[in-house]
PDB file of all heavy atoms in Angstrom:
ATOM      1  N   VAL A   1      14.848  -7.634  62.930  1.00  0.00           N
ATOM      2  CA  VAL A   1      15.166  -7.046  61.621  1.00  0.00           C
ATOM      3  C   VAL A   1      13.930  -7.015  60.730  1.00  0.00           C
ATOM      4  O   VAL A   1      13.690  -6.038  60.008  1.00  0.00           O
ATOM      5  CB  VAL A   1      16.310  -7.849  60.963  1.00  0.00           C
ATOM      6  CG1 VAL A   1      16.533  -7.375  59.532  1.00  0.00           C
ATOM      7  CG2 VAL A   1      17.585  -7.699  61.765  1.00  0.00           C
ATOM      8  N   ALA A   2      13.117  -8.068  60.769  1.00  0.00           N
ATOM      9  CA  ALA A   2      11.912  -8.126  59.946  1.00  0.00           C
ATOM     10  C   ALA A   2      10.919  -7.034  60.336  1.00  0.00           C
ATOM     11  O   ALA A   2      10.358  -6.345  59.479  1.00  0.00           O
ATOM     12  CB  ALA A   2      11.256  -9.501  60.063  1.00  0.00           C
ATOM     13  N   GLU A   3      10.692  -6.872  61.628  1.00  0.00           N
ATOM     14  CA  GLU A   3       9.751  -5.848  62.077  1.00  0.00           C
ATOM     15  C   GLU A   3      10.249  -4.452  61.712  1.00  0.00           C
ATOM     16  O   GLU A   3       9.472  -3.597  61.263  1.00  0.00           O
ATOM     17  CB  GLU A   3       9.556  -5.965  63.591  1.00  0.00           C
ATOM     18  CG  GLU A   3       8.486  -5.038  64.146  1.00  0.00           C
ATOM     19  CD  GLU A   3       8.240  -5.257  65.621  1.00  0.00           C
ATOM     20  OE1 GLU A   3       8.752  -6.264  66.149  1.00  0.00           O
ATOM     21  OE2 GLU A   3       7.552  -4.426  66.236  1.00  0.00           O
ATOM     22  N   SER A   4      11.542  -4.210  61.861  1.00  0.00           N
ATOM     23  CA  SER A   4      12.107  -2.910  61.512  1.00  0.00           C
ATOM     24  C   SER A   4      11.982  -2.640  60.016  1.00  0.00           C
ATOM     25  O   SER A   4      11.612  -1.536  59.593  1.00  0.00           O
ATOM     26  CB  SER A   4      13.573  -2.853  61.942  1.00  0.00           C
ATOM     27  OG  SER A   4      14.172  -1.651  61.512  1.00  0.00           O
ATOM     28  N   ALA A   5      12.269  -3.647  59.180  1.00  0.00           N
ATOM     29  CA  ALA A   5      12.185  -3.470  57.729  1.00  0.00           C
ATOM     30  C   ALA A   5      10.751  -3.215  57.283  1.00  0.00           C
ATOM     31  O   ALA A   5      10.489  -2.345  56.435  1.00  0.00           O
ATOM     32  CB  ALA A   5      12.750  -4.705  57.024  1.00  0.00           C
ATOM     33  N   MET A   6       9.791  -3.955  57.848  1.00  0.00           N
ATOM     34  CA  MET A   6       8.387  -3.754  57.474  1.00  0.00           C
ATOM     35  C   MET A   6       7.917  -2.364  57.874  1.00  0.00           C
ATOM     36  O   MET A   6       7.212  -1.692  57.105  1.00  0.00           O
ATOM     37  CB  MET A   6       7.527  -4.832  58.114  1.00  0.00           C
ATOM     38  CG  MET A   6       6.039  -4.704  57.793  1.00  0.00           C
ATOM     39  SD  MET A   6       5.677  -4.850  56.008  1.00  0.00           S
ATOM     40  CE  MET A   6       5.871  -6.624  55.774  1.00  0.00           C
ATOM     41  N   ARG A   7       8.285  -1.913  59.053  1.00  0.00           N
ATOM     42  CA  ARG A   7       7.877  -0.569  59.477  1.00  0.00           C
ATOM     43  C   ARG A   7       8.472   0.504  58.557  1.00  0.00           C
ATOM     44  O   ARG A   7       7.814   1.495  58.240  1.00  0.00           O
ATOM     45  CB  ARG A   7       8.303  -0.326  60.919  1.00  0.00           C
ATOM     46  CG  ARG A   7       7.530  -1.146  61.934  1.00  0.00           C
ATOM     47  CD  ARG A   7       7.886  -0.779  63.369  1.00  0.00           C
ATOM     48  NE  ARG A   7       7.194  -1.635  64.324  1.00  0.00           N
ATOM     49  CZ  ARG A   7       5.937  -1.437  64.732  1.00  0.00           C
ATOM     50  NH1 ARG A   7       5.270  -0.392  64.272  1.00  0.00           N
ATOM     51  NH2 ARG A   7       5.372  -2.259  65.585  1.00  0.00           N
ATOM     52  N   GLU A   8       9.708   0.307  58.135  1.00  0.00           N
ATOM     53  CA  GLU A   8      10.327   1.290  57.242  1.00  0.00           C
ATOM     54  C   GLU A   8       9.633   1.325  55.891  1.00  0.00           C
ATOM     55  O   GLU A   8       9.351   2.404  55.349  1.00  0.00           O
ATOM     56  CB  GLU A   8      11.814   0.955  57.073  1.00  0.00           C
ATOM     57  CG  GLU A   8      12.542   1.922  56.139  1.00  0.00           C
ATOM     58  CD  GLU A   8      14.026   1.634  56.054  1.00  0.00           C
ATOM     59  OE1 GLU A   8      14.532   0.868  56.898  1.00  0.00           O
ATOM     60  OE2 GLU A   8      14.676   2.184  55.148  1.00  0.00           O
ATOM     61  N   VAL A   9       9.346   0.167  55.321  1.00  0.00           N
ATOM     62  CA  VAL A   9       8.708   0.123  54.001  1.00  0.00           C
ATOM     63  C   VAL A   9       7.279   0.646  54.072  1.00  0.00           C
ATOM     64  O   VAL A   9       6.835   1.407  53.198  1.00  0.00           O
ATOM     65  CB  VAL A   9       8.741  -1.311  53.444  1.00  0.00           C
ATOM     66  CG1 VAL A   9       7.947  -1.402  52.148  1.00  0.00           C
ATOM     67  CG2 VAL A   9      10.181  -1.749  53.210  1.00  0.00           C
ATOM     68  N   VAL A  10       6.534   0.264  55.111  1.00  0.00           N
ATOM     69  CA  VAL A  10       5.164   0.760  55.265  1.00  0.00           C
ATOM     70  C   VAL A  10       5.170   2.274  55.462  1.00  0.00           C
ATOM     71  O   VAL A  10       4.311   2.988  54.931  1.00  0.00           O
ATOM     72  CB  VAL A  10       4.472   0.053  56.447  1.00  0.00           C
ATOM     73  CG1 VAL A  10       3.158   0.749  56.807  1.00  0.00           C
ATOM     74  CG2 VAL A  10       4.205  -1.400  56.106  1.00  0.00           C
ATOM     75  N   GLY A  11       6.152   2.791  56.189  1.00  0.00           N
ATOM     76  CA  GLY A  11       6.238   4.233  56.401  1.00  0.00           C
ATOM     77  C   GLY A  11       6.561   5.013  55.154  1.00  0.00           C
ATOM     78  O   GLY A  11       6.386   6.235  55.131  1.00  0.00           O
ATOM     79  N   GLN A  12       7.008   4.348  54.090  1.00  0.00           N
ATOM     80  CA  GLN A  12       7.325   5.013  52.834  1.00  0.00           C
ATOM     81  C   GLN A  12       6.181   4.915  51.821  1.00  0.00           C
ATOM     82  O   GLN A  12       6.320   5.425  50.707  1.00  0.00           O
ATOM     83  CB  GLN A  12       8.590   4.407  52.235  1.00  0.00           C
ATOM     84  CG  GLN A  12       9.837   4.625  53.071  1.00  0.00           C
ATOM     85  CD  GLN A  12      11.039   3.874  52.537  1.00  0.00           C
ATOM     86  OE1 GLN A  12      10.920   3.058  51.615  1.00  0.00           O
ATOM     87  NE2 GLN A  12      12.207   4.141  53.093  1.00  0.00           N
ATOM     88  N   ASN A  13       5.086   4.266  52.153  1.00  0.00           N
ATOM     89  CA  ASN A  13       3.984   4.052  51.213  1.00  0.00           C
ATOM     90  C   ASN A  13       2.693   4.620  51.783  1.00  0.00           C
ATOM     91  O   ASN A  13       2.533   4.761  52.997  1.00  0.00           O
ATOM     92  CB  ASN A  13       3.807   2.557  50.917  1.00  0.00           C
ATOM     93  CG  ASN A  13       4.939   1.988  50.091  1.00  0.00           C
ATOM     94  OD1 ASN A  13       4.890   1.992  48.868  1.00  0.00           O
ATOM     95  ND2 ASN A  13       5.983   1.485  50.744  1.00  0.00           N
ATOM     96  N   GLN A  14       1.734   4.909  50.871  1.00  0.00           N
ATOM     97  CA  GLN A  14       0.419   5.372  51.267  1.00  0.00           C
ATOM     98  C   GLN A  14      -0.430   4.176  51.697  1.00  0.00           C
ATOM     99  O   GLN A  14      -0.158   3.026  51.343  1.00  0.00           O
ATOM    100  CB  GLN A  14      -0.259   6.114  50.113  1.00  0.00           C
ATOM    101  CG  GLN A  14       0.579   7.246  49.538  1.00  0.00           C
ATOM    102  CD  GLN A  14       0.775   8.373  50.512  1.00  0.00           C
ATOM    103  OE1 GLN A  14      -0.165   8.806  51.171  1.00  0.00           O
ATOM    104  NE2 GLN A  14       1.996   8.867  50.621  1.00  0.00           N
ATOM    105  N   ILE A  15      -1.496   4.463  52.438  1.00  0.00           N
ATOM    106  CA  ILE A  15      -2.304   3.374  52.991  1.00  0.00           C
ATOM    107  C   ILE A  15      -3.123   2.660  51.916  1.00  0.00           C
ATOM    108  O   ILE A  15      -3.286   1.440  51.964  1.00  0.00           O
ATOM    109  CB  ILE A  15      -3.214   3.903  54.121  1.00  0.00           C
ATOM    110  CG1 ILE A  15      -3.903   2.723  54.824  1.00  0.00           C
ATOM    111  CG2 ILE A  15      -4.227   4.906  53.599  1.00  0.00           C
ATOM    112  CD1 ILE A  15      -4.636   3.117  56.077  1.00  0.00           C
ATOM    113  N   ASP A  16      -3.655   3.404  50.934  1.00  0.00           N
ATOM    114  CA  ASP A  16      -4.524   2.775  49.931  1.00  0.00           C
ATOM    115  C   ASP A  16      -3.798   1.706  49.116  1.00  0.00           C
ATOM    116  O   ASP A  16      -4.328   0.603  48.942  1.00  0.00           O
ATOM    117  CB  ASP A  16      -5.112   3.848  49.018  1.00  0.00           C
ATOM    118  CG  ASP A  16      -6.125   4.722  49.749  1.00  0.00           C
ATOM    119  OD1 ASP A  16      -6.686   4.254  50.760  1.00  0.00           O
ATOM    120  OD2 ASP A  16      -6.353   5.876  49.334  1.00  0.00           O
ATOM    121  N   PRO A  17      -2.591   1.963  48.580  1.00  0.00           N
ATOM    122  CA  PRO A  17      -1.901   0.881  47.859  1.00  0.00           C
ATOM    123  C   PRO A  17      -1.583  -0.318  48.740  1.00  0.00           C
ATOM    124  O   PRO A  17      -1.608  -1.449  48.270  1.00  0.00           O
ATOM    125  CB  PRO A  17      -0.621   1.567  47.353  1.00  0.00           C
ATOM    126  CG  PRO A  17      -0.932   3.017  47.327  1.00  0.00           C
ATOM    127  CD  PRO A  17      -1.872   3.236  48.474  1.00  0.00           C
ATOM    128  N   ILE A  18      -1.282  -0.081  50.016  1.00  0.00           N
ATOM    129  CA  ILE A  18      -0.976  -1.204  50.909  1.00  0.00           C
ATOM    130  C   ILE A  18      -2.203  -2.094  51.084  1.00  0.00           C
ATOM    131  O   ILE A  18      -2.101  -3.321  51.137  1.00  0.00           O
ATOM    132  CB  ILE A  18      -0.481  -0.688  52.267  1.00  0.00           C
ATOM    133  CG1 ILE A  18       0.814   0.101  52.091  1.00  0.00           C
ATOM    134  CG2 ILE A  18      -0.257  -1.843  53.240  1.00  0.00           C
ATOM    135  CD1 ILE A  18       1.310   0.736  53.369  1.00  0.00           C
ATOM    136  N   LEU A  19      -3.383  -1.474  51.161  1.00  0.00           N
ATOM    137  CA  LEU A  19      -4.608  -2.247  51.362  1.00  0.00           C
ATOM    138  C   LEU A  19      -5.062  -2.946  50.094  1.00  0.00           C
ATOM    139  O   LEU A  19      -5.865  -3.874  50.160  1.00  0.00           O
ATOM    140  CB  LEU A  19      -5.723  -1.317  51.857  1.00  0.00           C
ATOM    141  CG  LEU A  19      -5.520  -0.677  53.241  1.00  0.00           C
ATOM    142  CD1 LEU A  19      -6.648   0.296  53.538  1.00  0.00           C
ATOM    143  CD2 LEU A  19      -5.433  -1.741  54.325  1.00  0.00           C
ATOM    144  N   THR A  20      -4.599  -2.518  48.920  1.00  0.00           N
ATOM    145  CA  THR A  20      -5.139  -3.043  47.665  1.00  0.00           C
ATOM    146  C   THR A  20      -4.085  -3.790  46.855  1.00  0.00           C
ATOM    147  O   THR A  20      -3.882  -4.983  47.045  1.00  0.00           O
ATOM    148  CB  THR A  20      -5.751  -1.897  46.850  1.00  0.00           C
ATOM    149  OG1 THR A  20      -4.758  -0.845  46.682  1.00  0.00           O
ATOM    150  CG2 THR A  20      -6.954  -1.306  47.572  1.00  0.00           C
ATOM    151  N   GLN A  21      -3.403  -3.077  45.953  1.00  0.00           N
ATOM    152  CA  GLN A  21      -2.642  -3.764  44.917  1.00  0.00           C
ATOM    153  C   GLN A  21      -1.147  -3.823  45.141  1.00  0.00           C
ATOM    154  O   GLN A  21      -0.441  -4.488  44.377  1.00  0.00           O
ATOM    155  CB  GLN A  21      -2.897  -3.105  43.545  1.00  0.00           C
ATOM    156  CG  GLN A  21      -2.158  -1.773  43.338  1.00  0.00           C
ATOM    157  CD  GLN A  21      -2.926  -0.594  43.851  1.00  0.00           C
ATOM    158  OE1 GLN A  21      -3.917  -0.761  44.556  1.00  0.00           O
ATOM    159  NE2 GLN A  21      -2.504   0.589  43.477  1.00  0.00           N
ATOM    160  N   ASP A  22      -0.606  -3.162  46.139  1.00  0.00           N
ATOM    161  CA  ASP A  22       0.844  -3.070  46.271  1.00  0.00           C
ATOM    162  C   ASP A  22       1.439  -4.015  47.308  1.00  0.00           C
ATOM    163  O   ASP A  22       2.549  -3.774  47.796  1.00  0.00           O
ATOM    164  CB  ASP A  22       1.241  -1.626  46.624  1.00  0.00           C
ATOM    165  CG  ASP A  22       1.345  -0.762  45.385  1.00  0.00           C
ATOM    166  OD1 ASP A  22       1.114  -1.304  44.292  1.00  0.00           O
ATOM    167  OD2 ASP A  22       1.645   0.432  45.522  1.00  0.00           O
ATOM    168  N   ARG A  23       0.756  -5.085  47.644  1.00  0.00           N
ATOM    169  CA  ARG A  23       1.312  -5.998  48.649  1.00  0.00           C
ATOM    170  C   ARG A  23       2.543  -6.738  48.125  1.00  0.00           C
ATOM    171  O   ARG A  23       3.522  -6.899  48.842  1.00  0.00           O
ATOM    172  CB  ARG A  23       0.248  -6.999  49.093  1.00  0.00           C
ATOM    173  CG  ARG A  23      -0.891  -6.381  49.878  1.00  0.00           C
ATOM    174  CD  ARG A  23      -1.731  -7.444  50.548  1.00  0.00           C
ATOM    175  NE  ARG A  23      -2.822  -6.862  51.313  1.00  0.00           N
ATOM    176  CZ  ARG A  23      -3.648  -7.549  52.083  1.00  0.00           C
ATOM    177  NH1 ARG A  23      -3.502  -8.857  52.181  1.00  0.00           N
ATOM    178  NH2 ARG A  23      -4.620  -6.943  52.749  1.00  0.00           N
ATOM    179  N   ALA A  24       2.482  -7.199  46.885  1.00  0.00           N
ATOM    180  CA  ALA A  24       3.618  -7.940  46.333  1.00  0.00           C
ATOM    181  C   ALA A  24       4.877  -7.074  46.260  1.00  0.00           C
ATOM    182  O   ALA A  24       5.953  -7.522  46.686  1.00  0.00           O
ATOM    183  CB  ALA A  24       3.264  -8.503  44.956  1.00  0.00           C
ATOM    184  N   PRO A  25       4.817  -5.829  45.738  1.00  0.00           N
ATOM    185  CA  PRO A  25       6.032  -5.002  45.776  1.00  0.00           C
ATOM    186  C   PRO A  25       6.541  -4.738  47.184  1.00  0.00           C
ATOM    187  O   PRO A  25       7.757  -4.690  47.404  1.00  0.00           O
ATOM    188  CB  PRO A  25       5.585  -3.705  45.082  1.00  0.00           C
ATOM    189  CG  PRO A  25       4.448  -4.103  44.213  1.00  0.00           C
ATOM    190  CD  PRO A  25       3.748  -5.187  44.963  1.00  0.00           C
ATOM    191  N   ILE A  26       5.628  -4.571  48.142  1.00  0.00           N
ATOM    192  CA  ILE A  26       6.061  -4.331  49.524  1.00  0.00           C
ATOM    193  C   ILE A  26       6.770  -5.561  50.068  1.00  0.00           C
ATOM    194  O   ILE A  26       7.789  -5.451  50.775  1.00  0.00           O
ATOM    195  CB  ILE A  26       4.852  -3.946  50.385  1.00  0.00           C
ATOM    196  CG1 ILE A  26       4.366  -2.539  50.008  1.00  0.00           C
ATOM    197  CG2 ILE A  26       5.198  -4.004  51.869  1.00  0.00           C
ATOM    198  CD1 ILE A  26       3.120  -2.113  50.728  1.00  0.00           C
ATOM    199  N   GLU A  27       6.259  -6.744  49.772  1.00  0.00           N
ATOM    200  CA  GLU A  27       6.919  -7.973  50.225  1.00  0.00           C
ATOM    201  C   GLU A  27       8.339  -8.078  49.661  1.00  0.00           C
ATOM    202  O   GLU A  27       9.275  -8.454  50.376  1.00  0.00           O
ATOM    203  CB  GLU A  27       6.089  -9.189  49.810  1.00  0.00           C
ATOM    204  CG  GLU A  27       4.751  -9.292  50.519  1.00  0.00           C
ATOM    205  CD  GLU A  27       3.873 -10.388  49.945  1.00  0.00           C
ATOM    206  OE1 GLU A  27       4.227 -10.943  48.886  1.00  0.00           O
ATOM    207  OE2 GLU A  27       2.830 -10.687  50.543  1.00  0.00           O
ATOM    208  N   VAL A  28       8.500  -7.723  48.398  1.00  0.00           N
ATOM    209  CA  VAL A  28       9.834  -7.776  47.784  1.00  0.00           C
ATOM    210  C   VAL A  28      10.761  -6.747  48.432  1.00  0.00           C
ATOM    211  O   VAL A  28      11.930  -7.032  48.720  1.00  0.00           O
ATOM    212  CB  VAL A  28       9.722  -7.548  46.268  1.00  0.00           C
ATOM    213  CG1 VAL A  28      11.103  -7.457  45.632  1.00  0.00           C
ATOM    214  CG2 VAL A  28       8.930  -8.676  45.618  1.00  0.00           C
ATOM    215  N   GLN A  29      10.248  -5.534  48.679  1.00  0.00           N
ATOM    216  CA  GLN A  29      11.068  -4.502  49.313  1.00  0.00           C
ATOM    217  C   GLN A  29      11.510  -4.928  50.716  1.00  0.00           C
ATOM    218  O   GLN A  29      12.672  -4.728  51.094  1.00  0.00           O
ATOM    219  CB  GLN A  29      10.288  -3.198  49.387  1.00  0.00           C
ATOM    220  CG  GLN A  29       9.996  -2.567  48.029  1.00  0.00           C
ATOM    221  CD  GLN A  29       9.181  -1.298  48.162  1.00  0.00           C
ATOM    222  OE1 GLN A  29       9.291  -0.564  49.139  1.00  0.00           O
ATOM    223  NE2 GLN A  29       8.356  -1.030  47.172  1.00  0.00           N
TER     224      GLN A  29
END
């Protein structure tokens, strides 16, 4: 379930925010 959820959330975001400032919102999602 964790791997599936992370793939879904990462697939909804751009790469630059994931690499920089959007890690905390992604963790919450």
